[in-house]
Amino acid sequence: MKPVVWCGDSLERIREFPADARRSAGHQLDRVQRGIDPYDWKPMPSVGLGVREIRVRAQGQYRVVYLAKFEEAVYVLHAFAKKTQRAAKQDLELAATRFRELREERRRQ
């Protein structure tokens, strides 16, 4: 089972989700850690190659953007409440920035 690595404030963001959404996000991340696809997800190529989004519908809509293609861990890049039909540009940009930072950090190692 892969460990979860929380990038930036992603853990704090998930802790702000309502209890049902937090529980669902945790269950879906557990599936990802075990190498199983979440129940509701979509690829996020605009953020980065291999990046996916878990879609949580519980007392609103919530998203967890993650990268699981590396053997050592599942990287949670960002988590947020979705307020409109499309994800906010700033949320996608933040996830993309964290993806680039992660890629650079891995190159330096």
Protein backbone atom coordinates (compact mmCIF):
# COMPACT_ATOMS: atom_id res chain seq x y z
CA MET A 1 0.00 0.00 0.00
CA LYS A 2 1.41 3.38 -1.03
CA PRO A 3 1.63 6.17 1.54
CA VAL A 4 -0.10 9.49 0.88
CA VAL A 5 2.06 12.60 0.56
CA TRP A 6 0.13 15.84 1.10
CA CYS A 7 1.38 18.74 -1.01
CA GLY A 8 0.98 22.28 0.29
CA ASP A 9 -2.20 22.73 2.31
CA SER A 10 -4.10 19.83 0.71
CA LEU A 11 -4.57 17.98 4.03
CA GLU A 12 -5.91 21.09 5.73
CA ARG A 13 -8.28 21.64 2.80
CA ILE A 14 -9.69 18.11 3.09
CA ARG A 15 -10.12 18.60 6.83
CA GLU A 16 -12.39 21.54 5.98
CA PHE A 17 -14.76 19.30 3.99
CA PRO A 18 -18.02 18.30 5.72
CA ALA A 19 -17.77 14.95 7.54
CA ASP A 20 -19.50 12.91 4.80
CA ALA A 21 -17.33 14.41 2.05
CA ARG A 22 -14.18 13.94 4.13
CA ARG A 23 -15.08 10.29 4.79
CA SER A 24 -15.79 9.66 1.11
CA ALA A 25 -12.55 11.35 0.01
CA GLY A 26 -10.62 9.25 2.52
CA HIS A 27 -12.24 6.04 1.27
CA GLN A 28 -11.43 6.92 -2.34
CA LEU A 29 -7.82 7.76 -1.46
CA ASP A 30 -7.56 4.41 0.32
CA ARG A 31 -8.60 2.71 -2.94
CA VAL A 32 -5.93 4.66 -4.82
CA GLN A 33 -3.30 3.65 -2.23
CA ARG A 34 -4.23 0.01 -2.89
CA GLY A 35 -3.90 0.42 -6.66
CA ILE A 36 -7.65 0.49 -7.31
CA ASP A 37 -9.39 3.28 -9.23
CA PRO A 38 -11.71 5.52 -7.22
CA TYR A 39 -15.42 5.14 -7.97
CA ASP A 40 -15.74 8.57 -9.59
CA TRP A 41 -12.67 10.15 -11.18
CA LYS A 42 -11.44 11.80 -14.33
CA PRO A 43 -8.03 12.52 -15.82
CA MET A 44 -6.67 16.05 -15.49
CA PRO A 45 -4.19 16.46 -18.38
CA SER A 46 -4.47 20.24 -18.10
CA VAL A 47 -2.80 19.95 -14.67
CA GLY A 48 -0.17 17.37 -15.64
CA LEU A 49 0.45 13.98 -17.21
CA GLY A 50 -0.97 11.25 -14.98
CA VAL A 51 -2.87 13.65 -12.72
CA ARG A 52 -6.41 12.61 -11.80
CA GLU A 53 -9.31 14.14 -9.93
CA ILE A 54 -11.51 12.30 -7.44
CA ARG A 55 -15.06 13.63 -7.57
CA VAL A 56 -16.89 13.61 -4.24
CA ARG A 57 -20.59 14.38 -4.05
CA ALA A 58 -21.69 14.74 -0.43
CA GLN A 59 -23.32 17.90 0.92
CA GLY A 60 -21.99 19.67 -2.18
CA GLN A 61 -19.25 18.85 -4.64
CA TYR A 62 -15.61 18.41 -3.69
CA ARG A 63 -12.49 17.51 -5.61
CA VAL A 64 -9.20 15.86 -4.68
CA VAL A 65 -6.46 16.23 -7.31
CA TYR A 66 -3.77 13.57 -7.05
CA LEU A 67 -0.91 11.82 -8.80
CA ALA A 68 -0.41 8.08 -8.24
CA LYS A 69 1.83 7.06 -11.13
CA PHE A 70 5.00 6.91 -9.05
CA GLU A 71 5.80 3.75 -7.10
CA GLU A 72 6.72 5.44 -3.82
CA ALA A 73 3.54 7.37 -2.97
CA VAL A 74 0.20 8.90 -3.86
CA TYR A 75 0.69 12.66 -4.04
CA VAL A 76 -2.35 14.77 -3.19
CA LEU A 77 -1.72 18.01 -5.05
CA HIS A 78 -4.85 19.94 -4.06
CA ALA A 79 -8.33 19.58 -2.60
CA PHE A 80 -11.19 22.03 -2.93
CA ALA A 81 -14.94 22.60 -2.85
CA LYS A 82 -16.39 23.00 -6.31
CA LYS A 83 -18.78 25.94 -6.43
CA THR A 84 -19.48 26.26 -10.18
CA GLN A 85 -19.91 23.97 -13.20
CA ARG A 86 -16.22 24.28 -14.08
CA ALA A 87 -13.36 24.07 -11.61
CA ALA A 88 -12.00 27.48 -10.67
CA LYS A 89 -8.96 28.53 -12.69
CA GLN A 90 -6.99 29.30 -9.53
CA ASP A 91 -7.57 25.75 -8.20
CA LEU A 92 -6.31 24.20 -11.44
CA GLU A 93 -3.33 26.55 -11.54
CA LEU A 94 -2.40 25.72 -7.94
CA ALA A 95 -2.56 21.98 -8.66
CA ALA A 96 -0.45 22.48 -11.81
CA THR A 97 2.14 24.50 -9.86
CA ARG A 98 2.41 21.77 -7.23
CA PHE A 99 2.73 19.16 -9.99
CA ARG A 100 5.64 21.08 -11.55
CA GLU A 101 7.31 21.50 -8.13
CA LEU A 102 6.96 17.78 -7.44
CA ARG A 103 8.46 16.93 -10.84
CA GLU A 104 11.41 19.25 -10.21
CA GLU A 105 12.00 17.84 -6.72
CA ARG A 106 12.03 14.30 -8.12
CA ARG A 107 14.56 15.32 -10.80
CA ARG A 108 16.93 16.73 -8.17
CA GLN A 109 16.92 13.47 -6.17
